[in-house]
C-alpha cells in the first residue's frame, strides 16, 4: 500500500451519533493540524457533506462508512475507527479492497475495567437494592440480608473473563487487588498470563463455567460470538453465580438471561450493553429481578478524546514514517 506524505494527505474526521460524547471533539482535529500544518484536515459535524469530501480523502476517521460511500472514496487508503467494535465495517466490499483498518483498542480499557469492577462490587454488596430502598426512605438492613443472595465478599472468588484482551487485562489487575482468583478465556488459549491463574481456549469455556463465581463477557462481536452465552451455558454456571456483560449485546441470549434470573439459577447479573440500544422502555429486562443495567457507559470517561487523539497521532506518525502500524483490524476475523 502506497503511503502518503503529510503535504499530499487529506484526512476526514466524521462521526455523528445521538450521544454527543461519541462524536469526536475539536481537540482531535486541532492536535493533528498543529502537528502537521501542511495536511488537509476536515472535521465534519455530521454526514451531510461527506459525499462531496470522500472522493479525494486518503484517511477516514470515523465509526461507519457504508459500501456505497466506499465506492466514492477512490483514493482511500486507511480507515481509523473511533469505535473499538468494527462489525459495521466488515462487509465484503471493504474486506476485498486492501484498505488498512485500525481501531482504538486500549483507549477504553481503563474506564471499562473500573466500571466492571464497580459492577462486580455492586452485585456482591447489592448496591442497586440499597439505592431503591433509599429512594423509599427505608433503612433496609434486614431486607437486604434476607434476600437469597446474601451480601458477600469477592476475595477468593473465581472471576472468569471471557475475551481476555486489553480490557480483561486491566480488569484482572484490579480484581487481583481485591484478591480474586482470575481466569481468562481467549480464542486460542494464549495471552498475557501475568495477572491470571490460567488462560483457557474458547473451546474449553463450557468446562470453566461451572467453576466461576463471576463471569465477565468482554469478547468482540463476530459471527462466532453471537449468543456465546445462552440457556445451555447459563445452566452450566454455578447456582448463585453472577454474570456481567460489557462486551456487546449480541454475546448474550437475553431471553435465556431473564429466565435464569427469574428462576434463581443466577444470583445476579449486570449488563452495560443490550441487543437493542437504546434499550426500549417496554423491554422486560428493566423489570428482571437481580439485574443491574447501566446504559452503555462503561467506556465513557472525561479523558476519552485525549486518549483517542494521542493514539491517532501516534498512528499517523507511524504512517508517515513508513513504520509498522499497530491496532490493525484482522479483516478475516472481524476484530
C-alpha atoms as a PDB file:
ATOM      1  CA  UNK A   1       0.000   0.000   0.000  1.00  0.00           C
ATOM      2  CA  UNK A   2       1.371   3.408  -1.016  1.00  0.00           C
ATOM      3  CA  UNK A   3       1.626   5.701   1.982  1.00  0.00           C
ATOM      4  CA  UNK A   4       1.245   9.440   1.639  1.00  0.00           C
ATOM      5  CA  UNK A   5       3.283  12.380   2.885  1.00  0.00           C
ATOM      6  CA  UNK A   6       1.579  14.954   5.154  1.00  0.00           C
ATOM      7  CA  UNK A   7       1.514  17.567   2.368  1.00  0.00           C
ATOM      8  CA  UNK A   8      -0.366  15.259  -0.011  1.00  0.00           C
ATOM      9  CA  UNK A   9      -2.737  13.824   2.593  1.00  0.00           C
ATOM     10  CA  UNK A  10      -6.374  14.679   3.135  1.00  0.00           C
ATOM     11  CA  UNK A  11      -7.792  13.355   6.408  1.00  0.00           C
ATOM     12  CA  UNK A  12     -11.522  13.484   7.110  1.00  0.00           C
ATOM     13  CA  UNK A  13     -12.985  13.106  10.612  1.00  0.00           C
ATOM     14  CA  UNK A  14     -16.690  12.333  10.523  1.00  0.00           C
ATOM     15  CA  UNK A  15     -18.915  10.784  13.181  1.00  0.00           C
ATOM     16  CA  UNK A  16     -22.450  11.674  14.079  1.00  0.00           C
ATOM     17  CA  UNK A  17     -24.067   9.824  16.952  1.00  0.00           C
ATOM     18  CA  UNK A  18     -27.144  10.746  19.006  1.00  0.00           C
ATOM     19  CA  UNK A  19     -24.971  10.532  22.115  1.00  0.00           C
ATOM     20  CA  UNK A  20     -22.810  13.655  21.971  1.00  0.00           C
ATOM     21  CA  UNK A  21     -19.658  12.263  23.655  1.00  0.00           C
ATOM     22  CA  UNK A  22     -19.251   9.622  20.929  1.00  0.00           C
ATOM     23  CA  UNK A  23     -18.741  12.476  18.441  1.00  0.00           C
ATOM     24  CA  UNK A  24     -15.066  13.419  18.004  1.00  0.00           C
ATOM     25  CA  UNK A  25     -14.223  16.546  19.950  1.00  0.00           C
ATOM     26  CA  UNK A  26     -12.379  19.544  18.419  1.00  0.00           C
ATOM     27  CA  UNK A  27      -9.153  18.581  20.230  1.00  0.00           C
ATOM     28  CA  UNK A  28      -8.624  15.762  17.712  1.00  0.00           C
ATOM     29  CA  UNK A  29      -8.556  17.918  14.581  1.00  0.00           C
ATOM     30  CA  UNK A  30      -6.675  20.696  16.361  1.00  0.00           C
ATOM     31  CA  UNK A  31      -3.884  18.366  17.504  1.00  0.00           C
ATOM     32  CA  UNK A  32      -3.421  16.908  14.016  1.00  0.00           C
ATOM     33  CA  UNK A  33      -3.343  20.361  12.358  1.00  0.00           C
ATOM     34  CA  UNK A  34      -0.812  21.586  14.907  1.00  0.00           C
ATOM     35  CA  UNK A  35       1.473  18.585  14.344  1.00  0.00           C
ATOM     36  CA  UNK A  36       1.154  18.614  10.519  1.00  0.00           C
ATOM     37  CA  UNK A  37       0.076  22.106   9.378  1.00  0.00           C
ATOM     38  CA  UNK A  38       0.624  21.106   5.740  1.00  0.00           C
ATOM     39  CA  UNK A  39      -2.019  18.354   5.935  1.00  0.00           C
ATOM     40  CA  UNK A  40      -5.626  18.946   4.883  1.00  0.00           C
ATOM     41  CA  UNK A  41      -7.784  18.075   7.875  1.00  0.00           C
ATOM     42  CA  UNK A  42     -11.567  18.233   7.512  1.00  0.00           C
ATOM     43  CA  UNK A  43     -13.749  17.724  10.597  1.00  0.00           C
ATOM     44  CA  UNK A  44     -17.401  17.281   9.641  1.00  0.00           C
ATOM     45  CA  UNK A  45     -20.107  17.628  12.328  1.00  0.00           C
ATOM     46  CA  UNK A  46     -22.447  15.190  10.547  1.00  0.00           C
ATOM     47  CA  UNK A  47     -22.741  13.115   7.353  1.00  0.00           C
ATOM     48  CA  UNK A  48     -24.432  15.764   5.174  1.00  0.00           C
ATOM     49  CA  UNK A  49     -21.269  16.940   3.383  1.00  0.00           C
ATOM     50  CA  UNK A  50     -19.413  13.637   3.497  1.00  0.00           C
ATOM     51  CA  UNK A  51     -20.274  12.614  -0.110  1.00  0.00           C
ATOM     52  CA  UNK A  52     -18.524  15.679  -1.551  1.00  0.00           C
ATOM     53  CA  UNK A  53     -15.451  15.225   0.678  1.00  0.00           C
ATOM     54  CA  UNK A  54     -14.895  11.489   0.106  1.00  0.00           C
ATOM     55  CA  UNK A  55     -13.563  11.302  -3.486  1.00  0.00           C
ATOM     56  CA  UNK A  56     -10.122  12.766  -2.609  1.00  0.00           C
ATOM     57  CA  UNK A  57      -9.911  11.512   1.004  1.00  0.00           C
ATOM     58  CA  UNK A  58      -6.810   9.476   1.867  1.00  0.00           C
ATOM     59  CA  UNK A  59      -7.553   8.742   5.543  1.00  0.00           C
ATOM     60  CA  UNK A  60     -11.022   8.474   7.046  1.00  0.00           C
ATOM     61  CA  UNK A  61     -11.502   8.736  10.808  1.00  0.00           C
ATOM     62  CA  UNK A  62     -14.952   7.652  11.885  1.00  0.00           C
ATOM     63  CA  UNK A  63     -17.253   4.977  13.101  1.00  0.00           C
ATOM     64  CA  UNK A  64     -19.048   3.981   9.919  1.00  0.00           C
ATOM     65  CA  UNK A  65     -18.582   4.029   6.167  1.00  0.00           C
ATOM     66  CA  UNK A  66     -21.137   2.210   4.054  1.00  0.00           C
ATOM     67  CA  UNK A  67     -20.392   0.194   0.914  1.00  0.00           C
ATOM     68  CA  UNK A  68     -21.983   2.859  -1.317  1.00  0.00           C
ATOM     69  CA  UNK A  69     -19.819   5.564   0.280  1.00  0.00           C
ATOM     70  CA  UNK A  70     -16.720   3.407  -0.017  1.00  0.00           C
ATOM     71  CA  UNK A  71     -17.243   3.234  -3.789  1.00  0.00           C
ATOM     72  CA  UNK A  72     -16.961   7.041  -3.964  1.00  0.00           C
ATOM     73  CA  UNK A  73     -13.794   7.113  -1.829  1.00  0.00           C
ATOM     74  CA  UNK A  74     -11.481   6.302  -4.723  1.00  0.00           C
ATOM     75  CA  UNK A  75      -8.244   7.438  -3.015  1.00  0.00           C
ATOM     76  CA  UNK A  76      -8.954   5.945   0.401  1.00  0.00           C
ATOM     77  CA  UNK A  77      -6.030   4.038   1.896  1.00  0.00           C
ATOM     78  CA  UNK A  78      -6.807   3.825   5.604  1.00  0.00           C
ATOM     79  CA  UNK A  79      -9.874   3.850   7.859  1.00  0.00           C
ATOM     80  CA  UNK A  80      -9.354   4.523  11.547  1.00  0.00           C
ATOM     81  CA  UNK A  81     -12.448   3.592  13.542  1.00  0.00           C
ATOM     82  CA  UNK A  82     -13.192   5.664  16.642  1.00  0.00           C
ATOM     83  CA  UNK A  83     -15.189   2.682  17.957  1.00  0.00           C
ATOM     84  CA  UNK A  84     -13.426  -0.446  19.185  1.00  0.00           C
ATOM     85  CA  UNK A  85     -16.104  -2.653  17.624  1.00  0.00           C
ATOM     86  CA  UNK A  86     -15.832  -2.717  13.824  1.00  0.00           C
ATOM     87  CA  UNK A  87     -18.585  -5.190  12.895  1.00  0.00           C
ATOM     88  CA  UNK A  88     -20.338  -2.383  10.981  1.00  0.00           C
ATOM     89  CA  UNK A  89     -17.328  -2.138   8.638  1.00  0.00           C
ATOM     90  CA  UNK A  90     -16.902  -5.845   7.963  1.00  0.00           C
ATOM     91  CA  UNK A  91     -18.741  -6.024   4.624  1.00  0.00           C
ATOM     92  CA  UNK A  92     -17.247  -7.788   1.567  1.00  0.00           C
ATOM     93  CA  UNK A  93     -16.659  -4.602  -0.437  1.00  0.00           C
ATOM     94  CA  UNK A  94     -14.268  -3.303   2.243  1.00  0.00           C
ATOM     95  CA  UNK A  95     -12.676  -6.646   3.051  1.00  0.00           C
ATOM     96  CA  UNK A  96     -11.712  -7.058  -0.616  1.00  0.00           C
ATOM     97  CA  UNK A  97     -10.102  -3.628  -1.113  1.00  0.00           C
ATOM     98  CA  UNK A  98      -6.864  -3.968   0.838  1.00  0.00           C
ATOM     99  CA  UNK A  99      -7.661  -0.737   2.696  1.00  0.00           C
ATOM    100  CA  UNK A 100      -5.992  -0.649   6.112  1.00  0.00           C
ATOM    101  CA  UNK A 101      -8.431  -0.606   9.049  1.00  0.00           C
ATOM    102  CA  UNK A 102      -7.324   0.287  12.575  1.00  0.00           C
ATOM    103  CA  UNK A 103      -9.277   0.775  15.779  1.00  0.00           C
ATOM    104  CA  UNK A 104      -8.681   2.472  19.148  1.00  0.00           C
ATOM    105  CA  UNK A 105      -8.167  -0.764  21.094  1.00  0.00           C
ATOM    106  CA  UNK A 106      -6.803   0.071  24.528  1.00  0.00           C
ATOM    107  CA  UNK A 107      -8.362   3.538  24.709  1.00  0.00           C
ATOM    108  CA  UNK A 108     -11.431   2.243  26.553  1.00  0.00           C
ATOM    109  CA  UNK A 109      -9.707  -0.394  28.679  1.00  0.00           C
ATOM    110  CA  UNK A 110      -9.145   1.552  31.903  1.00  0.00           C
ATOM    111  CA  UNK A 111     -12.640   3.089  32.269  1.00  0.00           C
ATOM    112  CA  UNK A 112     -14.243  -0.218  31.260  1.00  0.00           C
ATOM    113  CA  UNK A 113     -12.156  -2.149  33.790  1.00  0.00           C
ATOM    114  CA  UNK A 114     -13.031   0.324  36.558  1.00  0.00           C
ATOM    115  CA  UNK A 115     -16.720   0.231  35.590  1.00  0.00           C
ATOM    116  CA  UNK A 116     -16.737  -3.577  35.514  1.00  0.00           C
ATOM    117  CA  UNK A 117     -15.025  -3.815  38.893  1.00  0.00           C
ATOM    118  CA  UNK A 118     -17.715  -1.457  40.149  1.00  0.00           C
ATOM    119  CA  UNK A 119     -20.414  -3.773  38.780  1.00  0.00           C
ATOM    120  CA  UNK A 120     -18.817  -6.793  40.476  1.00  0.00           C
ATOM    121  CA  UNK A 121     -18.774  -4.967  43.815  1.00  0.00           C
ATOM    122  CA  UNK A 122     -22.295  -3.616  43.281  1.00  0.00           C
ATOM    123  CA  UNK A 123     -23.604  -7.157  42.780  1.00  0.00           C
ATOM    124  CA  UNK A 124     -21.669  -8.565  45.757  1.00  0.00           C
ATOM    125  CA  UNK A 125     -22.858  -5.777  48.082  1.00  0.00           C
ATOM    126  CA  UNK A 126     -26.312  -5.317  46.453  1.00  0.00           C
ATOM    127  CA  UNK A 127     -25.945  -1.588  45.903  1.00  0.00           C
ATOM    128  CA  UNK A 128     -28.877  -1.459  43.434  1.00  0.00           C
ATOM    129  CA  UNK A 129     -31.404  -2.549  46.089  1.00  0.00           C
ATOM    130  CA  UNK A 130     -29.806  -0.226  48.657  1.00  0.00           C
ATOM    131  CA  UNK A 131     -30.445   2.703  46.301  1.00  0.00           C
ATOM    132  CA  UNK A 132     -34.037   1.590  45.672  1.00  0.00           C
ATOM    133  CA  UNK A 133     -34.658   1.407  49.423  1.00  0.00           C
ATOM    134  CA  UNK A 134     -33.011   4.812  49.907  1.00  0.00           C
ATOM    135  CA  UNK A 135     -35.460   6.275  47.383  1.00  0.00           C
ATOM    136  CA  UNK A 136     -38.271   4.968  49.645  1.00  0.00           C
ATOM    137  CA  UNK A 137     -36.651   6.287  52.811  1.00  0.00           C
ATOM    138  CA  UNK A 138     -36.318   2.752  54.167  1.00  0.00           C
ATOM    139  CA  UNK A 139     -33.472   1.596  56.467  1.00  0.00           C
ATOM    140  CA  UNK A 140     -33.313  -1.806  54.766  1.00  0.00           C
ATOM    141  CA  UNK A 141     -30.643  -3.756  56.643  1.00  0.00           C
ATOM    142  CA  UNK A 142     -32.882  -6.775  57.330  1.00  0.00           C
ATOM    143  CA  UNK A 143     -34.497  -6.791  53.875  1.00  0.00           C
ATOM    144  CA  UNK A 144     -31.101  -6.733  52.165  1.00  0.00           C
ATOM    145  CA  UNK A 145     -29.782  -9.557  54.333  1.00  0.00           C
ATOM    146  CA  UNK A 146     -32.883 -11.703  53.889  1.00  0.00           C
ATOM    147  CA  UNK A 147     -32.524 -11.887  50.118  1.00  0.00           C
ATOM    148  CA  UNK A 148     -31.330 -15.278  48.768  1.00  0.00           C
ATOM    149  CA  UNK A 149     -28.160 -13.516  47.625  1.00  0.00           C
ATOM    150  CA  UNK A 150     -26.586 -12.599  50.962  1.00  0.00           C
ATOM    151  CA  UNK A 151     -24.181  -9.671  51.000  1.00  0.00           C
ATOM    152  CA  UNK A 152     -20.914 -11.342  50.072  1.00  0.00           C
ATOM    153  CA  UNK A 153     -17.181 -10.784  49.748  1.00  0.00           C
ATOM    154  CA  UNK A 154     -15.315 -11.035  46.450  1.00  0.00           C
ATOM    155  CA  UNK A 155     -11.917 -12.124  47.805  1.00  0.00           C
ATOM    156  CA  UNK A 156     -11.136 -15.737  46.977  1.00  0.00           C
ATOM    157  CA  UNK A 157     -13.884 -15.855  44.342  1.00  0.00           C
ATOM    158  CA  UNK A 158     -13.161 -17.065  40.805  1.00  0.00           C
ATOM    159  CA  UNK A 159     -13.563 -14.379  38.140  1.00  0.00           C
ATOM    160  CA  UNK A 160     -13.742 -15.789  34.611  1.00  0.00           C
ATOM    161  CA  UNK A 161     -13.067 -13.133  31.956  1.00  0.00           C
ATOM    162  CA  UNK A 162     -14.356 -14.271  28.561  1.00  0.00           C
ATOM    163  CA  UNK A 163     -12.440 -12.302  25.939  1.00  0.00           C
ATOM    164  CA  UNK A 164      -9.149 -11.710  27.716  1.00  0.00           C
ATOM    165  CA  UNK A 165      -7.836  -8.736  25.733  1.00  0.00           C
ATOM    166  CA  UNK A 166      -6.796  -5.245  26.830  1.00  0.00           C
ATOM    167  CA  UNK A 167      -9.998  -4.686  28.837  1.00  0.00           C
ATOM    168  CA  UNK A 168      -9.668  -8.079  30.501  1.00  0.00           C
ATOM    169  CA  UNK A 169      -6.031  -7.437  31.454  1.00  0.00           C
ATOM    170  CA  UNK A 170      -6.902  -4.111  33.106  1.00  0.00           C
ATOM    171  CA  UNK A 171      -9.818  -5.746  34.933  1.00  0.00           C
ATOM    172  CA  UNK A 172      -7.589  -8.608  36.097  1.00  0.00           C
ATOM    173  CA  UNK A 173      -5.158  -6.125  37.681  1.00  0.00           C
ATOM    174  CA  UNK A 174      -7.974  -4.578  39.700  1.00  0.00           C
ATOM    175  CA  UNK A 175      -9.571  -7.888  40.600  1.00  0.00           C
ATOM    176  CA  UNK A 176      -6.234  -9.186  41.896  1.00  0.00           C
ATOM    177  CA  UNK A 177      -6.048  -6.159  44.216  1.00  0.00           C
ATOM    178  CA  UNK A 178      -9.320  -7.497  45.697  1.00  0.00           C
ATOM    179  CA  UNK A 179      -7.671 -10.934  45.994  1.00  0.00           C
ATOM    180  CA  UNK A 180      -9.951 -12.565  43.433  1.00  0.00           C
ATOM    181  CA  UNK A 181      -8.774 -15.619  41.507  1.00  0.00           C
ATOM    182  CA  UNK A 182      -8.753 -14.614  37.852  1.00  0.00           C
ATOM    183  CA  UNK A 183      -9.079 -16.908  34.834  1.00  0.00           C
ATOM    184  CA  UNK A 184      -9.055 -15.713  31.244  1.00  0.00           C
ATOM    185  CA  UNK A 185     -10.561 -17.120  28.059  1.00  0.00           C
ATOM    186  CA  UNK A 186      -9.145 -16.280  24.638  1.00  0.00           C
ATOM    187  CA  UNK A 187      -9.837 -17.731  21.222  1.00  0.00           C
ATOM    188  CA  UNK A 188      -6.513 -19.579  21.162  1.00  0.00           C
ATOM    189  CA  UNK A 189      -5.917 -20.112  24.874  1.00  0.00           C
ATOM    190  CA  UNK A 190      -2.844 -17.887  24.636  1.00  0.00           C
ATOM    191  CA  UNK A 191      -2.296 -14.419  26.078  1.00  0.00           C
ATOM    192  CA  UNK A 192      -0.500 -12.413  28.741  1.00  0.00           C
ATOM    193  CA  UNK A 193      -0.631 -14.622  31.829  1.00  0.00           C
ATOM    194  CA  UNK A 194       0.915 -12.125  34.263  1.00  0.00           C
ATOM    195  CA  UNK A 195      -2.346 -11.298  36.048  1.00  0.00           C
ATOM    196  CA  UNK A 196      -4.218 -14.600  35.796  1.00  0.00           C
ATOM    197  CA  UNK A 197      -4.066 -18.104  37.260  1.00  0.00           C
ATOM    198  CA  UNK A 198      -4.683 -19.567  33.828  1.00  0.00           C
ATOM    199  CA  UNK A 199      -5.811 -18.787  30.289  1.00  0.00           C
ATOM    200  CA  UNK A 200      -8.174 -21.222  28.584  1.00  0.00           C
ATOM    201  CA  UNK A 201      -9.059 -21.583  24.902  1.00  0.00           C
ATOM    202  CA  UNK A 202     -12.632 -20.705  23.896  1.00  0.00           C
ATOM    203  CA  UNK A 203     -13.211 -24.414  23.184  1.00  0.00           C
ATOM    204  CA  UNK A 204     -12.937 -25.072  26.958  1.00  0.00           C
ATOM    205  CA  UNK A 205     -15.387 -22.354  28.036  1.00  0.00           C
ATOM    206  CA  UNK A 206     -18.038 -24.952  28.916  1.00  0.00           C
ATOM    207  CA  UNK A 207     -15.623 -26.653  31.320  1.00  0.00           C
ATOM    208  CA  UNK A 208     -14.708 -23.386  33.055  1.00  0.00           C
ATOM    209  CA  UNK A 209     -18.232 -22.015  33.578  1.00  0.00           C
ATOM    210  CA  UNK A 210     -19.181 -24.338  36.486  1.00  0.00           C
ATOM    211  CA  UNK A 211     -16.089 -23.191  38.431  1.00  0.00           C
ATOM    212  CA  UNK A 212     -16.716 -19.439  38.166  1.00  0.00           C
ATOM    213  CA  UNK A 213     -18.362 -17.209  40.761  1.00  0.00           C
ATOM    214  CA  UNK A 214     -18.325 -14.212  38.423  1.00  0.00           C
ATOM    215  CA  UNK A 215     -18.306 -14.364  34.623  1.00  0.00           C
ATOM    216  CA  UNK A 216     -17.475 -11.205  32.655  1.00  0.00           C
ATOM    217  CA  UNK A 217     -18.147 -11.058  28.914  1.00  0.00           C
ATOM    218  CA  UNK A 218     -15.664  -8.775  27.138  1.00  0.00           C
ATOM    219  CA  UNK A 219     -15.298 -10.585  23.800  1.00  0.00           C
ATOM    220  CA  UNK A 220     -15.582  -8.846  20.407  1.00  0.00           C
ATOM    221  CA  UNK A 221     -18.702  -9.084  18.258  1.00  0.00           C
ATOM    222  CA  UNK A 222     -18.216 -11.644  15.482  1.00  0.00           C
ATOM    223  CA  UNK A 223     -20.325 -14.341  13.847  1.00  0.00           C
ATOM    224  CA  UNK A 224     -18.705 -16.889  16.206  1.00  0.00           C
ATOM    225  CA  UNK A 225     -19.512 -14.957  19.399  1.00  0.00           C
ATOM    226  CA  UNK A 226     -23.232 -14.403  18.760  1.00  0.00           C
ATOM    227  CA  UNK A 227     -25.108 -15.797  21.786  1.00  0.00           C
ATOM    228  CA  UNK A 228     -21.842 -17.099  23.181  1.00  0.00           C
ATOM    229  CA  UNK A 229     -23.761 -17.405  26.444  1.00  0.00           C
ATOM    230  CA  UNK A 230     -27.209 -18.940  26.023  1.00  0.00           C
ATOM    231  CA  UNK A 231     -29.506 -21.245  28.003  1.00  0.00           C
ATOM    232  CA  UNK A 232     -27.081 -24.194  27.856  1.00  0.00           C
ATOM    233  CA  UNK A 233     -24.149 -22.134  29.143  1.00  0.00           C
ATOM    234  CA  UNK A 234     -26.211 -20.473  31.888  1.00  0.00           C
ATOM    235  CA  UNK A 235     -27.363 -23.909  33.036  1.00  0.00           C
ATOM    236  CA  UNK A 236     -23.716 -24.946  33.460  1.00  0.00           C
ATOM    237  CA  UNK A 237     -22.919 -21.992  35.721  1.00  0.00           C
ATOM    238  CA  UNK A 238     -22.670 -22.400  39.479  1.00  0.00           C
ATOM    239  CA  UNK A 239     -26.038 -21.726  41.134  1.00  0.00           C
ATOM    240  CA  UNK A 240     -25.904 -18.206  42.554  1.00  0.00           C
ATOM    241  CA  UNK A 241     -23.053 -17.087  40.257  1.00  0.00           C
ATOM    242  CA  UNK A 242     -23.099 -13.607  38.740  1.00  0.00           C
ATOM    243  CA  UNK A 243     -22.821 -12.678  35.059  1.00  0.00           C
ATOM    244  CA  UNK A 244     -21.676  -9.309  33.686  1.00  0.00           C
ATOM    245  CA  UNK A 245     -21.755  -8.273  30.018  1.00  0.00           C
ATOM    246  CA  UNK A 246     -19.680  -5.257  28.980  1.00  0.00           C
ATOM    247  CA  UNK A 247     -18.778  -6.600  25.509  1.00  0.00           C
ATOM    248  CA  UNK A 248     -21.616  -6.473  23.018  1.00  0.00           C
ATOM    249  CA  UNK A 249     -25.320  -7.209  23.440  1.00  0.00           C
ATOM    250  CA  UNK A 250     -25.102  -9.966  20.828  1.00  0.00           C
ATOM    251  CA  UNK A 251     -22.841 -12.075  23.095  1.00  0.00           C
ATOM    252  CA  UNK A 252     -25.715 -12.912  25.417  1.00  0.00           C
ATOM    253  CA  UNK A 253     -29.122 -14.523  24.803  1.00  0.00           C
ATOM    254  CA  UNK A 254     -31.277 -12.049  26.707  1.00  0.00           C
ATOM    255  CA  UNK A 255     -34.346 -14.307  26.917  1.00  0.00           C
ATOM    256  CA  UNK A 256     -32.214 -17.029  28.483  1.00  0.00           C
ATOM    257  CA  UNK A 257     -30.740 -14.463  30.912  1.00  0.00           C
ATOM    258  CA  UNK A 258     -34.211 -13.352  32.038  1.00  0.00           C
ATOM    259  CA  UNK A 259     -35.213 -16.977  32.634  1.00  0.00           C
ATOM    260  CA  UNK A 260     -32.023 -17.716  34.612  1.00  0.00           C
ATOM    261  CA  UNK A 261     -32.601 -14.706  36.870  1.00  0.00           C
ATOM    262  CA  UNK A 262     -36.317 -15.317  37.360  1.00  0.00           C
ATOM    263  CA  UNK A 263     -35.722 -18.952  38.348  1.00  0.00           C
ATOM    264  CA  UNK A 264     -32.766 -18.145  40.617  1.00  0.00           C
ATOM    265  CA  UNK A 265     -30.245 -20.106  38.543  1.00  0.00           C
ATOM    266  CA  UNK A 266     -28.102 -16.962  38.528  1.00  0.00           C
ATOM    267  CA  UNK A 267     -27.578 -14.960  41.703  1.00  0.00           C
ATOM    268  CA  UNK A 268     -27.457 -11.723  39.772  1.00  0.00           C
ATOM    269  CA  UNK A 269     -26.348 -10.068  36.565  1.00  0.00           C
ATOM    270  CA  UNK A 270     -25.262  -6.715  35.237  1.00  0.00           C
ATOM    271  CA  UNK A 271     -25.316  -5.507  31.667  1.00  0.00           C
ATOM    272  CA  UNK A 272     -23.849  -2.393  30.114  1.00  0.00           C
ATOM    273  CA  UNK A 273     -24.824  -3.429  26.573  1.00  0.00           C
ATOM    274  CA  UNK A 274     -28.018  -4.764  25.011  1.00  0.00           C
ATOM    275  CA  UNK A 275     -29.019  -6.455  21.786  1.00  0.00           C
ATOM    276  CA  UNK A 276     -31.173  -3.392  21.008  1.00  0.00           C
ATOM    277  CA  UNK A 277     -29.818   0.003  22.037  1.00  0.00           C
ATOM    278  CA  UNK A 278     -31.238   2.207  23.401  1.00  0.00           C
ATOM    279  CA  UNK A 279     -32.997  -0.488  25.439  1.00  0.00           C
ATOM    280  CA  UNK A 280     -36.726   0.060  24.752  1.00  0.00           C
ATOM    281  CA  UNK A 281     -38.858   1.209  27.689  1.00  0.00           C
ATOM    282  CA  UNK A 282     -41.089  -1.850  27.237  1.00  0.00           C
ATOM    283  CA  UNK A 283     -38.170  -4.322  27.454  1.00  0.00           C
ATOM    284  CA  UNK A 284     -38.700  -6.947  30.187  1.00  0.00           C
ATOM    285  CA  UNK A 285     -35.027  -6.513  31.129  1.00  0.00           C
ATOM    286  CA  UNK A 286     -35.866  -3.332  33.062  1.00  0.00           C
ATOM    287  CA  UNK A 287     -38.034  -5.336  35.481  1.00  0.00           C
ATOM    288  CA  UNK A 288     -35.954  -8.528  35.653  1.00  0.00           C
ATOM    289  CA  UNK A 289     -35.051  -9.413  39.260  1.00  0.00           C
ATOM    290  CA  UNK A 290     -31.434  -9.006  40.355  1.00  0.00           C
ATOM    291  CA  UNK A 291     -30.405  -7.378  37.068  1.00  0.00           C
ATOM    292  CA  UNK A 292     -28.400  -4.158  37.190  1.00  0.00           C
ATOM    293  CA  UNK A 293     -28.474  -2.146  33.931  1.00  0.00           C
ATOM    294  CA  UNK A 294     -26.064   0.646  33.026  1.00  0.00           C
ATOM    295  CA  UNK A 295     -26.740   2.415  29.683  1.00  0.00           C
ATOM    296  CA  UNK A 296     -23.555   1.575  27.733  1.00  0.00           C
ATOM    297  CA  UNK A 297     -21.497   3.910  29.905  1.00  0.00           C
ATOM    298  CA  UNK A 298     -18.577   1.614  30.786  1.00  0.00           C
ATOM    299  CA  UNK A 299     -16.308   3.084  28.091  1.00  0.00           C
ATOM    300  CA  UNK A 300     -17.131   6.693  28.918  1.00  0.00           C
ATOM    301  CA  UNK A 301     -14.536   8.897  30.543  1.00  0.00           C
ATOM    302  CA  UNK A 302     -13.677  12.574  30.669  1.00  0.00           C
ATOM    303  CA  UNK A 303     -10.271  11.536  29.255  1.00  0.00           C
ATOM    304  CA  UNK A 304     -11.707   9.721  26.223  1.00  0.00           C
ATOM    305  CA  UNK A 305     -10.865  12.219  23.463  1.00  0.00           C
ATOM    306  CA  UNK A 306      -7.402  12.982  24.835  1.00  0.00           C
ATOM    307  CA  UNK A 307      -6.675   9.250  24.636  1.00  0.00           C
ATOM    308  CA  UNK A 308      -8.302   8.884  21.203  1.00  0.00           C
ATOM    309  CA  UNK A 309      -6.271  11.816  19.895  1.00  0.00           C
ATOM    310  CA  UNK A 310      -2.948  10.616  21.322  1.00  0.00           C
ATOM    311  CA  UNK A 311      -3.460   7.174  19.781  1.00  0.00           C
ATOM    312  CA  UNK A 312      -4.370   8.565  16.350  1.00  0.00           C
ATOM    313  CA  UNK A 313      -1.409  10.965  16.350  1.00  0.00           C
ATOM    314  CA  UNK A 314       0.923   8.060  17.146  1.00  0.00           C
ATOM    315  CA  UNK A 315      -0.574   6.015  14.319  1.00  0.00           C
ATOM    316  CA  UNK A 316      -0.177   8.959  11.916  1.00  0.00           C
ATOM    317  CA  UNK A 317       3.489   9.314  12.960  1.00  0.00           C
ATOM    318  CA  UNK A 318       3.991   5.661  12.039  1.00  0.00           C
ATOM    319  CA  UNK A 319       2.047   6.051   8.790  1.00  0.00           C
ATOM    320  CA  UNK A 320       4.225   8.907   7.575  1.00  0.00           C
ATOM    321  CA  UNK A 321       7.474   7.284   8.789  1.00  0.00           C
ATOM    322  CA  UNK A 322       6.675   4.019   6.994  1.00  0.00           C
ATOM    323  CA  UNK A 323       6.761   2.093  10.265  1.00  0.00           C
ATOM    324  CA  UNK A 324       4.581  -0.845  11.244  1.00  0.00           C
ATOM    325  CA  UNK A 325       1.058   0.109  12.250  1.00  0.00           C
ATOM    326  CA  UNK A 326      -0.471  -1.213  15.472  1.00  0.00           C
ATOM    327  CA  UNK A 327      -4.154  -1.825  16.290  1.00  0.00           C
ATOM    328  CA  UNK A 328      -4.692  -3.281  12.831  1.00  0.00           C
ATOM    329  CA  UNK A 329      -8.043  -4.982  12.396  1.00  0.00           C
ATOM    330  CA  UNK A 330      -7.852  -8.524  11.037  1.00  0.00           C
ATOM    331  CA  UNK A 331     -10.405  -8.306   8.233  1.00  0.00           C
ATOM    332  CA  UNK A 332     -10.847 -12.109   8.201  1.00  0.00           C
ATOM    333  CA  UNK A 333     -11.585 -12.366  11.915  1.00  0.00           C
ATOM    334  CA  UNK A 334     -13.503  -9.099  12.064  1.00  0.00           C
ATOM    335  CA  UNK A 335     -11.651  -7.570  15.025  1.00  0.00           C
END
